[in-house]
Amino acid sequence: MRVFLTGATGFIGSYLVPELVNAGHRVVGLSRSDAGAEALIRAGAEVCRGDVNDPVCLRTAAAAADGVIHAAFNHDFANLKQHSEDDRKVIERLGEALGGSDRPLVVSSGTGLARSQTGGPAVETDGHVTSAEFPRAASEEAADALIAQGGRVMVIRLPQVHDTRHQGRITQHVQLGRERGRVAYVGDGINRVPAVHVSDVVRLYRLVLEKGQVGARYHAVGEEGVALRDIAEVIGAGLRMPVESITPEEAPEYFGWMAQLATIDLAASSALTRQQLDWNPTGPDLLTDLATMDYSKR
């Protein structure tokens, strides 16, 4: 397929481009900069110069594609609501460009948006919270609207995606440790976050593009849940700083905007995803990557 990829020069995109190219797909990656364009060309992709917020650029590139993977998102949490609504518009535009065809659109979301029906780990068939409850859900709402219109849309929910350079939200835990001079977790620290190595994520994106079912949610989860206390202990060892438990009342002062996330259990399952797409994660686990990363460069 000729695949249009947003977020092509980002963390996941830098792994996803060669995954798609090596599988025989032609990749057209979106890039705003000369450096990004050069990186895409070196990886064997074509370049579409532009920005996700440029509606003409976005629709033109999507209209010329056999399929689209939308992996871009602005993770500036200080402006999360605005960025989430911007993402809703991007998904709407991509859907319009692909409308009336059987061409797939793969949308990115997060496992933390799933509303568990059992109180246990979130599963693929669980619905999602609303954007009124958490702004990031605007992406899933946009996907829902396109699916209702007959679009061939699939959603990949991401956990903490990692290698030895990036760990998603956990990167903030490292930075907070540096700033505070100690690494903290809340209470007994047994609440968990799901995780997956980036090499496994990009393989799942390809599988969903190639054979995903219309309207399905897929969980890119390699580890159902990693305890925040275990994460804190590994980070503390890497930073050579003390690790301690703090109370829920102390969490806002230490964690700032992440205080609520630091107190809840966000475990998620990928059992259906593995079964339906024969996807079996094989990459390193989160604690291994955290233990082997170079803390002197962070």
C-alpha atoms as a PDB file:
ATOM      1  CA  MET A   1       0.000   0.000   0.000  1.00  0.00           C
ATOM      2  CA  ARG A   2       0.897   3.649  -0.356  1.00  0.00           C
ATOM      3  CA  VAL A   3       0.679   4.694   3.313  1.00  0.00           C
ATOM      4  CA  PHE A   4       0.423   8.277   4.518  1.00  0.00           C
ATOM      5  CA  LEU A   5       1.900   8.594   8.012  1.00  0.00           C
ATOM      6  CA  THR A   6       1.516  11.529  10.372  1.00  0.00           C
ATOM      7  CA  GLY A   7       4.010  11.716  13.229  1.00  0.00           C
ATOM      8  CA  ALA A   8       6.519  10.127  10.866  1.00  0.00           C
ATOM      9  CA  THR A   9       9.522  11.877  12.403  1.00  0.00           C
ATOM     10  CA  GLY A  10       8.489  11.323  16.043  1.00  0.00           C
ATOM     11  CA  PHE A  11       9.507   8.610  18.480  1.00  0.00           C
ATOM     12  CA  ILE A  12       7.085   5.943  17.255  1.00  0.00           C
ATOM     13  CA  GLY A  13       7.235   7.191  13.662  1.00  0.00           C
ATOM     14  CA  SER A  14      11.007   6.755  13.476  1.00  0.00           C
ATOM     15  CA  TYR A  15      10.494   3.039  14.172  1.00  0.00           C
ATOM     16  CA  LEU A  16       7.291   2.730  12.147  1.00  0.00           C
ATOM     17  CA  VAL A  17       8.684   3.991   8.838  1.00  0.00           C
ATOM     18  CA  PRO A  18      11.253   1.160   8.452  1.00  0.00           C
ATOM     19  CA  GLU A  19       8.703  -1.383   9.728  1.00  0.00           C
ATOM     20  CA  LEU A  20       6.326  -0.436   6.915  1.00  0.00           C
ATOM     21  CA  VAL A  21       9.029  -0.069   4.263  1.00  0.00           C
ATOM     22  CA  ASN A  22      10.527  -3.473   5.097  1.00  0.00           C
ATOM     23  CA  ALA A  23       7.058  -5.008   4.748  1.00  0.00           C
ATOM     24  CA  GLY A  24       6.857  -3.694   1.171  1.00  0.00           C
ATOM     25  CA  HIS A  25       4.688  -0.622   1.685  1.00  0.00           C
ATOM     26  CA  ARG A  26       5.412   2.784   0.169  1.00  0.00           C
ATOM     27  CA  VAL A  27       5.487   5.338   2.964  1.00  0.00           C
ATOM     28  CA  VAL A  28       4.762   9.040   2.623  1.00  0.00           C
ATOM     29  CA  GLY A  29       5.742  10.759   5.838  1.00  0.00           C
ATOM     30  CA  LEU A  30       4.619  14.195   6.967  1.00  0.00           C
ATOM     31  CA  SER A  31       7.451  16.538   7.978  1.00  0.00           C
ATOM     32  CA  ARG A  32       7.646  20.219   8.878  1.00  0.00           C
ATOM     33  CA  SER A  33      11.436  20.508   8.745  1.00  0.00           C
ATOM     34  CA  ASP A  34      14.357  19.875   6.426  1.00  0.00           C
ATOM     35  CA  ALA A  35      15.996  17.648   9.039  1.00  0.00           C
ATOM     36  CA  GLY A  36      12.850  15.556   9.354  1.00  0.00           C
ATOM     37  CA  ALA A  37      12.527  15.270   5.585  1.00  0.00           C
ATOM     38  CA  GLU A  38      16.131  14.113   5.265  1.00  0.00           C
ATOM     39  CA  ALA A  39      15.598  11.474   7.968  1.00  0.00           C
ATOM     40  CA  LEU A  40      12.530  10.145   6.156  1.00  0.00           C
ATOM     41  CA  ILE A  41      14.369   9.904   2.861  1.00  0.00           C
ATOM     42  CA  ARG A  42      17.261   8.038   4.519  1.00  0.00           C
ATOM     43  CA  ALA A  43      14.695   5.591   5.950  1.00  0.00           C
ATOM     44  CA  GLY A  44      13.303   4.906   2.467  1.00  0.00           C
ATOM     45  CA  ALA A  45      10.173   7.043   2.666  1.00  0.00           C
ATOM     46  CA  GLU A  46       8.788   9.820   0.517  1.00  0.00           C
ATOM     47  CA  VAL A  47       8.140  13.211   2.080  1.00  0.00           C
ATOM     48  CA  CYS A  48       5.066  15.377   2.289  1.00  0.00           C
ATOM     49  CA  ARG A  49       6.145  18.779   3.572  1.00  0.00           C
ATOM     50  CA  GLY A  50       3.583  20.300   5.871  1.00  0.00           C
ATOM     51  CA  ASP A  51       1.848  20.248   9.209  1.00  0.00           C
ATOM     52  CA  VAL A  52      -1.092  18.265  10.601  1.00  0.00           C
ATOM     53  CA  ASN A  53      -2.917  21.526  11.228  1.00  0.00           C
ATOM     54  CA  ASP A  54      -2.785  22.465   7.523  1.00  0.00           C
ATOM     55  CA  PRO A  55      -6.116  21.116   6.189  1.00  0.00           C
ATOM     56  CA  VAL A  56      -5.152  21.349   2.505  1.00  0.00           C
ATOM     57  CA  CYS A  57      -1.872  19.507   3.012  1.00  0.00           C
ATOM     58  CA  LEU A  58      -3.532  16.840   5.126  1.00  0.00           C
ATOM     59  CA  ARG A  59      -6.443  16.140   2.791  1.00  0.00           C
ATOM     60  CA  THR A  60      -4.248  16.105  -0.318  1.00  0.00           C
ATOM     61  CA  ALA A  61      -1.791  13.589   1.119  1.00  0.00           C
ATOM     62  CA  ALA A  62      -4.531  11.363   2.546  1.00  0.00           C
ATOM     63  CA  ALA A  63      -6.559  11.410  -0.664  1.00  0.00           C
ATOM     64  CA  ALA A  64      -3.557  10.066  -2.593  1.00  0.00           C
ATOM     65  CA  ALA A  65      -2.940   7.217  -0.130  1.00  0.00           C
ATOM     66  CA  ASP A  66      -4.188   3.627   0.024  1.00  0.00           C
ATOM     67  CA  GLY A  67      -4.234   3.867   3.808  1.00  0.00           C
ATOM     68  CA  VAL A  68      -3.420   6.322   6.596  1.00  0.00           C
ATOM     69  CA  ILE A  69      -1.820   5.922  10.012  1.00  0.00           C
ATOM     70  CA  HIS A  70      -2.311   8.898  12.299  1.00  0.00           C
ATOM     71  CA  ALA A  71       0.467   8.718  14.898  1.00  0.00           C
ATOM     72  CA  ALA A  72       0.961  12.433  15.560  1.00  0.00           C
ATOM     73  CA  PHE A  73      -0.136  14.158  18.751  1.00  0.00           C
ATOM     74  CA  ASN A  74       1.128  17.185  20.648  1.00  0.00           C
ATOM     75  CA  HIS A  75       1.929  15.982  24.178  1.00  0.00           C
ATOM     76  CA  ASP A  76       2.179  19.426  25.732  1.00  0.00           C
ATOM     77  CA  PHE A  77      -0.068  18.719  28.720  1.00  0.00           C
ATOM     78  CA  ALA A  78      -0.261  22.398  29.649  1.00  0.00           C
ATOM     79  CA  ASN A  79      -2.551  22.815  26.630  1.00  0.00           C
ATOM     80  CA  LEU A  80      -4.061  19.333  26.519  1.00  0.00           C
ATOM     81  CA  LYS A  81      -7.631  20.429  25.796  1.00  0.00           C
ATOM     82  CA  GLN A  82      -6.630  22.550  22.792  1.00  0.00           C
ATOM     83  CA  HIS A  83      -4.311  19.886  21.396  1.00  0.00           C
ATOM     84  CA  SER A  84      -7.007  17.238  21.843  1.00  0.00           C
ATOM     85  CA  GLU A  85      -9.560  19.314  19.962  1.00  0.00           C
ATOM     86  CA  ASP A  86      -6.961  19.970  17.254  1.00  0.00           C
ATOM     87  CA  ASP A  87      -6.519  16.211  16.977  1.00  0.00           C
ATOM     88  CA  ARG A  88     -10.280  15.767  16.591  1.00  0.00           C
ATOM     89  CA  LYS A  89     -10.151  18.100  13.577  1.00  0.00           C
ATOM     90  CA  VAL A  90      -7.180  16.250  12.087  1.00  0.00           C
ATOM     91  CA  ILE A  91      -9.013  12.920  12.319  1.00  0.00           C
ATOM     92  CA  GLU A  92     -12.137  14.456  10.795  1.00  0.00           C
ATOM     93  CA  ARG A  93     -10.120  15.776   7.849  1.00  0.00           C
ATOM     94  CA  LEU A  94      -8.385  12.460   7.284  1.00  0.00           C
ATOM     95  CA  GLY A  95     -11.756  10.738   7.374  1.00  0.00           C
ATOM     96  CA  GLU A  96     -13.174  13.167   4.827  1.00  0.00           C
ATOM     97  CA  ALA A  97     -10.265  12.491   2.469  1.00  0.00           C
ATOM     98  CA  LEU A  98     -10.821   8.727   2.730  1.00  0.00           C
ATOM     99  CA  GLY A  99     -14.629   8.930   2.731  1.00  0.00           C
ATOM    100  CA  GLY A 100     -16.595   6.687   0.399  1.00  0.00           C
ATOM    101  CA  SER A 101     -13.731   4.205   0.069  1.00  0.00           C
ATOM    102  CA  ASP A 102     -12.521   1.055   1.785  1.00  0.00           C
ATOM    103  CA  ARG A 103      -9.137   2.581   2.568  1.00  0.00           C
ATOM    104  CA  PRO A 104      -8.101   2.130   6.231  1.00  0.00           C
ATOM    105  CA  LEU A 105      -7.477   4.875   8.766  1.00  0.00           C
ATOM    106  CA  VAL A 106      -5.610   3.880  11.927  1.00  0.00           C
ATOM    107  CA  VAL A 107      -6.091   6.329  14.799  1.00  0.00           C
ATOM    108  CA  SER A 108      -3.944   6.524  17.940  1.00  0.00           C
ATOM    109  CA  SER A 109      -5.392   6.740  21.445  1.00  0.00           C
ATOM    110  CA  GLY A 110      -4.433   5.597  24.952  1.00  0.00           C
ATOM    111  CA  THR A 111      -5.306   2.651  27.175  1.00  0.00           C
ATOM    112  CA  GLY A 112      -5.906   5.094  30.012  1.00  0.00           C
ATOM    113  CA  LEU A 113      -9.002   6.357  28.204  1.00  0.00           C
ATOM    114  CA  ALA A 114     -10.736   2.971  28.378  1.00  0.00           C
ATOM    115  CA  ARG A 115     -13.453   2.658  31.018  1.00  0.00           C
ATOM    116  CA  SER A 116     -13.149  -0.802  32.575  1.00  0.00           C
ATOM    117  CA  GLN A 117     -16.512  -2.503  32.976  1.00  0.00           C
ATOM    118  CA  THR A 118     -15.221  -4.950  35.579  1.00  0.00           C
ATOM    119  CA  GLY A 119     -12.884  -2.862  37.714  1.00  0.00           C
ATOM    120  CA  GLY A 120     -10.017  -5.008  36.441  1.00  0.00           C
ATOM    121  CA  PRO A 121      -7.550  -4.307  33.640  1.00  0.00           C
ATOM    122  CA  ALA A 122      -9.115  -2.438  30.714  1.00  0.00           C
ATOM    123  CA  VAL A 123      -9.892  -4.588  27.678  1.00  0.00           C
ATOM    124  CA  GLU A 124     -10.351  -3.786  24.011  1.00  0.00           C
ATOM    125  CA  THR A 125     -14.139  -3.979  24.124  1.00  0.00           C
ATOM    126  CA  ASP A 126     -14.383  -1.444  26.940  1.00  0.00           C
ATOM    127  CA  GLY A 127     -15.797   1.922  25.938  1.00  0.00           C
ATOM    128  CA  HIS A 128     -13.929   5.136  26.567  1.00  0.00           C
ATOM    129  CA  VAL A 129     -14.434   8.143  28.800  1.00  0.00           C
ATOM    130  CA  THR A 130     -15.792  11.320  27.223  1.00  0.00           C
ATOM    131  CA  SER A 131     -13.742  14.347  26.270  1.00  0.00           C
ATOM    132  CA  ALA A 132     -15.638  16.257  28.963  1.00  0.00           C
ATOM    133  CA  GLU A 133     -14.086  13.892  31.505  1.00  0.00           C
ATOM    134  CA  PHE A 134     -10.628  13.850  29.909  1.00  0.00           C
ATOM    135  CA  PRO A 135      -9.833  15.951  26.817  1.00  0.00           C
ATOM    136  CA  ARG A 136      -7.650  13.322  25.083  1.00  0.00           C
ATOM    137  CA  ALA A 137     -10.799  11.248  24.458  1.00  0.00           C
ATOM    138  CA  ALA A 138     -11.621  13.666  21.612  1.00  0.00           C
ATOM    139  CA  SER A 139      -9.575  11.374  19.353  1.00  0.00           C
ATOM    140  CA  GLU A 140     -11.733   8.341  20.130  1.00  0.00           C
ATOM    141  CA  GLU A 141     -14.889  10.402  19.737  1.00  0.00           C
ATOM    142  CA  ALA A 142     -13.716  11.513  16.284  1.00  0.00           C
ATOM    143  CA  ALA A 143     -13.024   7.880  15.380  1.00  0.00           C
ATOM    144  CA  ASP A 144     -16.512   6.893  16.600  1.00  0.00           C
ATOM    145  CA  ALA A 145     -18.093   9.531  14.348  1.00  0.00           C
ATOM    146  CA  LEU A 146     -16.228   8.282  11.277  1.00  0.00           C
ATOM    147  CA  ILE A 147     -17.090   4.658  12.025  1.00  0.00           C
ATOM    148  CA  ALA A 148     -20.772   5.631  12.293  1.00  0.00           C
ATOM    149  CA  GLN A 149     -20.480   7.177   8.829  1.00  0.00           C
ATOM    150  CA  GLY A 150     -19.162   3.903   7.387  1.00  0.00           C
ATOM    151  CA  GLY A 151     -15.452   4.677   7.508  1.00  0.00           C
ATOM    152  CA  ARG A 152     -12.906   1.878   7.749  1.00  0.00           C
ATOM    153  CA  VAL A 153     -11.417   3.171  10.993  1.00  0.00           C
ATOM    154  CA  MET A 154      -9.491   1.277  13.671  1.00  0.00           C
ATOM    155  CA  VAL A 155      -8.080   2.586  16.955  1.00  0.00           C
ATOM    156  CA  ILE A 156      -4.811   1.606  18.618  1.00  0.00           C
ATOM    157  CA  ARG A 157      -4.710   2.377  22.317  1.00  0.00           C
ATOM    158  CA  LEU A 158      -1.174   2.967  23.520  1.00  0.00           C
ATOM    159  CA  PRO A 159       0.227   2.370  27.016  1.00  0.00           C
ATOM    160  CA  GLN A 160       3.681   3.642  28.100  1.00  0.00           C
ATOM    161  CA  VAL A 161       5.763   3.134  24.955  1.00  0.00           C
ATOM    162  CA  HIS A 162       9.456   2.803  25.693  1.00  0.00           C
ATOM    163  CA  ASP A 163      13.009   2.076  24.696  1.00  0.00           C
ATOM    164  CA  THR A 164      16.177   3.196  26.505  1.00  0.00           C
ATOM    165  CA  ARG A 165      15.688   6.811  25.335  1.00  0.00           C
ATOM    166  CA  HIS A 166      11.963   7.449  25.743  1.00  0.00           C
ATOM    167  CA  GLN A 167       9.387   6.177  28.220  1.00  0.00           C
ATOM    168  CA  GLY A 168       6.331   8.363  27.673  1.00  0.00           C
ATOM    169  CA  ARG A 169       4.885   9.592  30.940  1.00  0.00           C
ATOM    170  CA  ILE A 170       7.595   7.777  32.936  1.00  0.00           C
ATOM    171  CA  THR A 171      10.101  10.270  31.541  1.00  0.00           C
ATOM    172  CA  GLN A 172       8.339  12.833  33.740  1.00  0.00           C
ATOM    173  CA  HIS A 173       9.009  10.667  36.797  1.00  0.00           C
ATOM    174  CA  VAL A 174      12.728  10.786  35.974  1.00  0.00           C
ATOM    175  CA  GLN A 175      12.656  14.555  35.558  1.00  0.00           C
ATOM    176  CA  LEU A 176      10.725  15.021  38.805  1.00  0.00           C
ATOM    177  CA  GLY A 177      13.295  12.926  40.626  1.00  0.00           C
ATOM    178  CA  ARG A 178      16.060  15.188  39.372  1.00  0.00           C
ATOM    179  CA  GLU A 179      14.150  18.304  40.398  1.00  0.00           C
ATOM    180  CA  ARG A 180      13.082  17.039  43.825  1.00  0.00           C
ATOM    181  CA  GLY A 181      16.277  15.210  44.760  1.00  0.00           C
ATOM    182  CA  ARG A 182      14.254  12.072  45.554  1.00  0.00           C
ATOM    183  CA  VAL A 183      12.007   9.626  43.712  1.00  0.00           C
ATOM    184  CA  ALA A 184       8.527   9.172  45.136  1.00  0.00           C
ATOM    185  CA  TYR A 185       5.532   6.885  44.739  1.00  0.00           C
ATOM    186  CA  VAL A 186       2.157   7.169  46.457  1.00  0.00           C
ATOM    187  CA  GLY A 187       1.128   4.890  49.323  1.00  0.00           C
ATOM    188  CA  ASP A 188       2.224   1.294  48.840  1.00  0.00           C
ATOM    189  CA  GLY A 189       2.944   1.932  45.154  1.00  0.00           C
ATOM    190  CA  ILE A 190       1.197  -1.196  43.903  1.00  0.00           C
ATOM    191  CA  ASN A 191      -0.918   0.758  41.404  1.00  0.00           C
ATOM    192  CA  ARG A 192       0.258   0.020  37.883  1.00  0.00           C
ATOM    193  CA  VAL A 193       0.833   1.359  34.403  1.00  0.00           C
ATOM    194  CA  PRO A 194       0.783  -0.843  31.280  1.00  0.00           C
ATOM    195  CA  ALA A 195       3.799  -0.720  28.996  1.00  0.00           C
ATOM    196  CA  VAL A 196       5.217  -1.939  25.683  1.00  0.00           C
ATOM    197  CA  HIS A 197       8.485  -1.698  23.779  1.00  0.00           C
ATOM    198  CA  VAL A 198       8.342   0.534  20.725  1.00  0.00           C
ATOM    199  CA  SER A 199       9.451  -2.285  18.388  1.00  0.00           C
ATOM    200  CA  ASP A 200       6.310  -4.235  19.330  1.00  0.00           C
ATOM    201  CA  VAL A 201       4.084  -1.175  18.898  1.00  0.00           C
ATOM    202  CA  VAL A 202       5.118  -0.543  15.310  1.00  0.00           C
ATOM    203  CA  ARG A 203       4.529  -4.162  14.372  1.00  0.00           C
ATOM    204  CA  LEU A 204       1.001  -3.837  15.724  1.00  0.00           C
ATOM    205  CA  TYR A 205       0.387  -0.643  13.720  1.00  0.00           C
ATOM    206  CA  ARG A 206       1.344  -2.543  10.573  1.00  0.00           C
ATOM    207  CA  LEU A 207      -0.884  -5.512  11.418  1.00  0.00           C
ATOM    208  CA  VAL A 208      -3.859  -3.261  12.127  1.00  0.00           C
ATOM    209  CA  LEU A 209      -3.299  -1.387   8.864  1.00  0.00           C
ATOM    210  CA  GLU A 210      -3.130  -4.643   6.914  1.00  0.00           C
ATOM    211  CA  LYS A 211      -5.918  -6.669   8.516  1.00  0.00           C
ATOM    212  CA  GLY A 212      -7.634  -4.740  11.295  1.00  0.00           C
ATOM    213  CA  GLN A 213     -11.409  -5.003  11.646  1.00  0.00           C
ATOM    214  CA  VAL A 214     -13.550  -1.937  11.083  1.00  0.00           C
ATOM    215  CA  GLY A 215     -14.414  -0.184  14.332  1.00  0.00           C
ATOM    216  CA  ALA A 216     -12.138  -2.350  16.471  1.00  0.00           C
ATOM    217  CA  ARG A 217      -9.987  -1.131  19.335  1.00  0.00           C
ATOM    218  CA  TYR A 218      -6.575  -2.743  19.731  1.00  0.00           C
ATOM    219  CA  HIS A 219      -4.413  -2.565  22.842  1.00  0.00           C
ATOM    220  CA  ALA A 220      -0.670  -2.267  22.231  1.00  0.00           C
ATOM    221  CA  VAL A 221       0.109  -3.718  25.653  1.00  0.00           C
ATOM    222  CA  GLY A 222       3.193  -5.822  26.267  1.00  0.00           C
ATOM    223  CA  GLU A 223       2.996  -5.694  30.066  1.00  0.00           C
ATOM    224  CA  GLU A 224      -0.442  -5.521  31.665  1.00  0.00           C
ATOM    225  CA  GLY A 225       0.804  -3.481  34.590  1.00  0.00           C
ATOM    226  CA  VAL A 226       4.117  -2.413  36.098  1.00  0.00           C
ATOM    227  CA  ALA A 227       3.924  -1.233  39.733  1.00  0.00           C
ATOM    228  CA  LEU A 228       4.864   2.401  40.293  1.00  0.00           C
ATOM    229  CA  ARG A 229       6.931   1.416  43.325  1.00  0.00           C
ATOM    230  CA  ASP A 230       9.062  -0.886  41.146  1.00  0.00           C
ATOM    231  CA  ILE A 231       9.440   1.904  38.596  1.00  0.00           C
ATOM    232  CA  ALA A 232      10.473   4.372  41.300  1.00  0.00           C
ATOM    233  CA  GLU A 233      13.075   1.991  42.711  1.00  0.00           C
ATOM    234  CA  VAL A 234      14.722   1.475  39.327  1.00  0.00           C
ATOM    235  CA  ILE A 235      14.723   5.217  38.621  1.00  0.00           C
ATOM    236  CA  GLY A 236      16.127   5.920  42.080  1.00  0.00           C
ATOM    237  CA  ALA A 237      18.971   3.478  41.481  1.00  0.00           C
ATOM    238  CA  GLY A 238      19.712   5.082  38.118  1.00  0.00           C
ATOM    239  CA  LEU A 239      19.705   8.594  39.544  1.00  0.00           C
ATOM    240  CA  ARG A 240      21.417   7.479  42.774  1.00  0.00           C
ATOM    241  CA  MET A 241      18.717   9.162  44.782  1.00  0.00           C
ATOM    242  CA  PRO A 242      16.550   8.036  47.708  1.00  0.00           C
ATOM    243  CA  VAL A 243      13.165   6.449  47.011  1.00  0.00           C
ATOM    244  CA  GLU A 244      10.247   7.036  49.339  1.00  0.00           C
ATOM    245  CA  SER A 245       6.506   6.667  49.738  1.00  0.00           C
ATOM    246  CA  ILE A 246       4.395   9.801  50.027  1.00  0.00           C
ATOM    247  CA  THR A 247       0.754  10.207  51.035  1.00  0.00           C
ATOM    248  CA  PRO A 248      -2.046  11.018  48.573  1.00  0.00           C
ATOM    249  CA  GLU A 249      -2.224  14.462  50.184  1.00  0.00           C
ATOM    250  CA  GLU A 250       1.446  15.052  49.372  1.00  0.00           C
ATOM    251  CA  ALA A 251       1.089  13.883  45.769  1.00  0.00           C
ATOM    252  CA  PRO A 252       0.013  17.237  44.224  1.00  0.00           C
ATOM    253  CA  GLU A 253       3.066  19.020  45.614  1.00  0.00           C
ATOM    254  CA  TYR A 254       5.465  16.370  44.297  1.00  0.00           C
ATOM    255  CA  PHE A 255       3.794  15.263  41.046  1.00  0.00           C
ATOM    256  CA  GLY A 256       2.017  18.446  39.947  1.00  0.00           C
ATOM    257  CA  TRP A 257      -0.329  17.748  37.016  1.00  0.00           C
ATOM    258  CA  MET A 258       0.444  14.006  37.279  1.00  0.00           C
ATOM    259  CA  ALA A 259      -0.831  13.701  40.846  1.00  0.00           C
ATOM    260  CA  GLN A 260      -4.052  11.886  39.949  1.00  0.00           C
ATOM    261  CA  LEU A 261      -2.263   9.555  37.539  1.00  0.00           C
ATOM    262  CA  ALA A 262       0.209   8.691  40.276  1.00  0.00           C
ATOM    263  CA  THR A 263      -2.576   7.393  42.524  1.00  0.00           C
ATOM    264  CA  ILE A 264      -4.721   5.245  40.206  1.00  0.00           C
ATOM    265  CA  ASP A 265      -4.309   1.788  38.718  1.00  0.00           C
ATOM    266  CA  LEU A 266      -4.263   1.855  34.909  1.00  0.00           C
ATOM    267  CA  ALA A 267      -3.611  -1.810  34.075  1.00  0.00           C
ATOM    268  CA  ALA A 268      -4.758  -2.914  30.626  1.00  0.00           C
ATOM    269  CA  SER A 269      -5.014  -6.227  28.788  1.00  0.00           C
ATOM    270  CA  SER A 270      -4.129  -7.049  25.186  1.00  0.00           C
ATOM    271  CA  ALA A 271      -5.496 -10.598  25.131  1.00  0.00           C
ATOM    272  CA  LEU A 272      -7.991  -9.946  22.314  1.00  0.00           C
ATOM    273  CA  THR A 273      -5.430  -8.039  20.255  1.00  0.00           C
ATOM    274  CA  ARG A 274      -2.952 -10.902  20.493  1.00  0.00           C
ATOM    275  CA  GLN A 275      -5.594 -13.452  19.586  1.00  0.00           C
ATOM    276  CA  GLN A 276      -7.114 -11.570  16.658  1.00  0.00           C
ATOM    277  CA  LEU A 277      -3.905 -10.361  15.007  1.00  0.00           C
ATOM    278  CA  ASP A 278      -1.423 -13.034  16.142  1.00  0.00           C
ATOM    279  CA  TRP A 279       0.601 -10.280  17.779  1.00  0.00           C
ATOM    280  CA  ASN A 280       3.130 -11.435  20.361  1.00  0.00           C
ATOM    281  CA  PRO A 281       5.316  -8.772  22.002  1.00  0.00           C
ATOM    282  CA  THR A 282       8.975  -9.769  22.282  1.00  0.00           C
ATOM    283  CA  GLY A 283      10.778  -6.517  23.142  1.00  0.00           C
ATOM    284  CA  PRO A 284      12.480  -5.660  26.459  1.00  0.00           C
ATOM    285  CA  ASP A 285      10.224  -4.823  29.392  1.00  0.00           C
ATOM    286  CA  LEU A 286       9.927  -1.347  30.906  1.00  0.00           C
ATOM    287  CA  LEU A 287      12.076  -1.992  33.985  1.00  0.00           C
ATOM    288  CA  THR A 288      14.859  -3.427  31.835  1.00  0.00           C
ATOM    289  CA  ASP A 289      14.927  -0.332  29.640  1.00  0.00           C
ATOM    290  CA  LEU A 290      14.807   1.940  32.685  1.00  0.00           C
ATOM    291  CA  ALA A 291      17.675   0.023  34.297  1.00  0.00           C
ATOM    292  CA  THR A 292      19.906   0.142  31.215  1.00  0.00           C
ATOM    293  CA  MET A 293      19.298   3.725  30.053  1.00  0.00           C
ATOM    294  CA  ASP A 294      22.065   6.321  30.453  1.00  0.00           C
ATOM    295  CA  TYR A 295      20.890   8.641  33.226  1.00  0.00           C
ATOM    296  CA  SER A 296      23.838  10.982  32.700  1.00  0.00           C
ATOM    297  CA  LYS A 297      22.252  12.110  29.432  1.00  0.00           C
ATOM    298  CA  ARG A 298      18.762  12.744  30.814  1.00  0.00           C
END
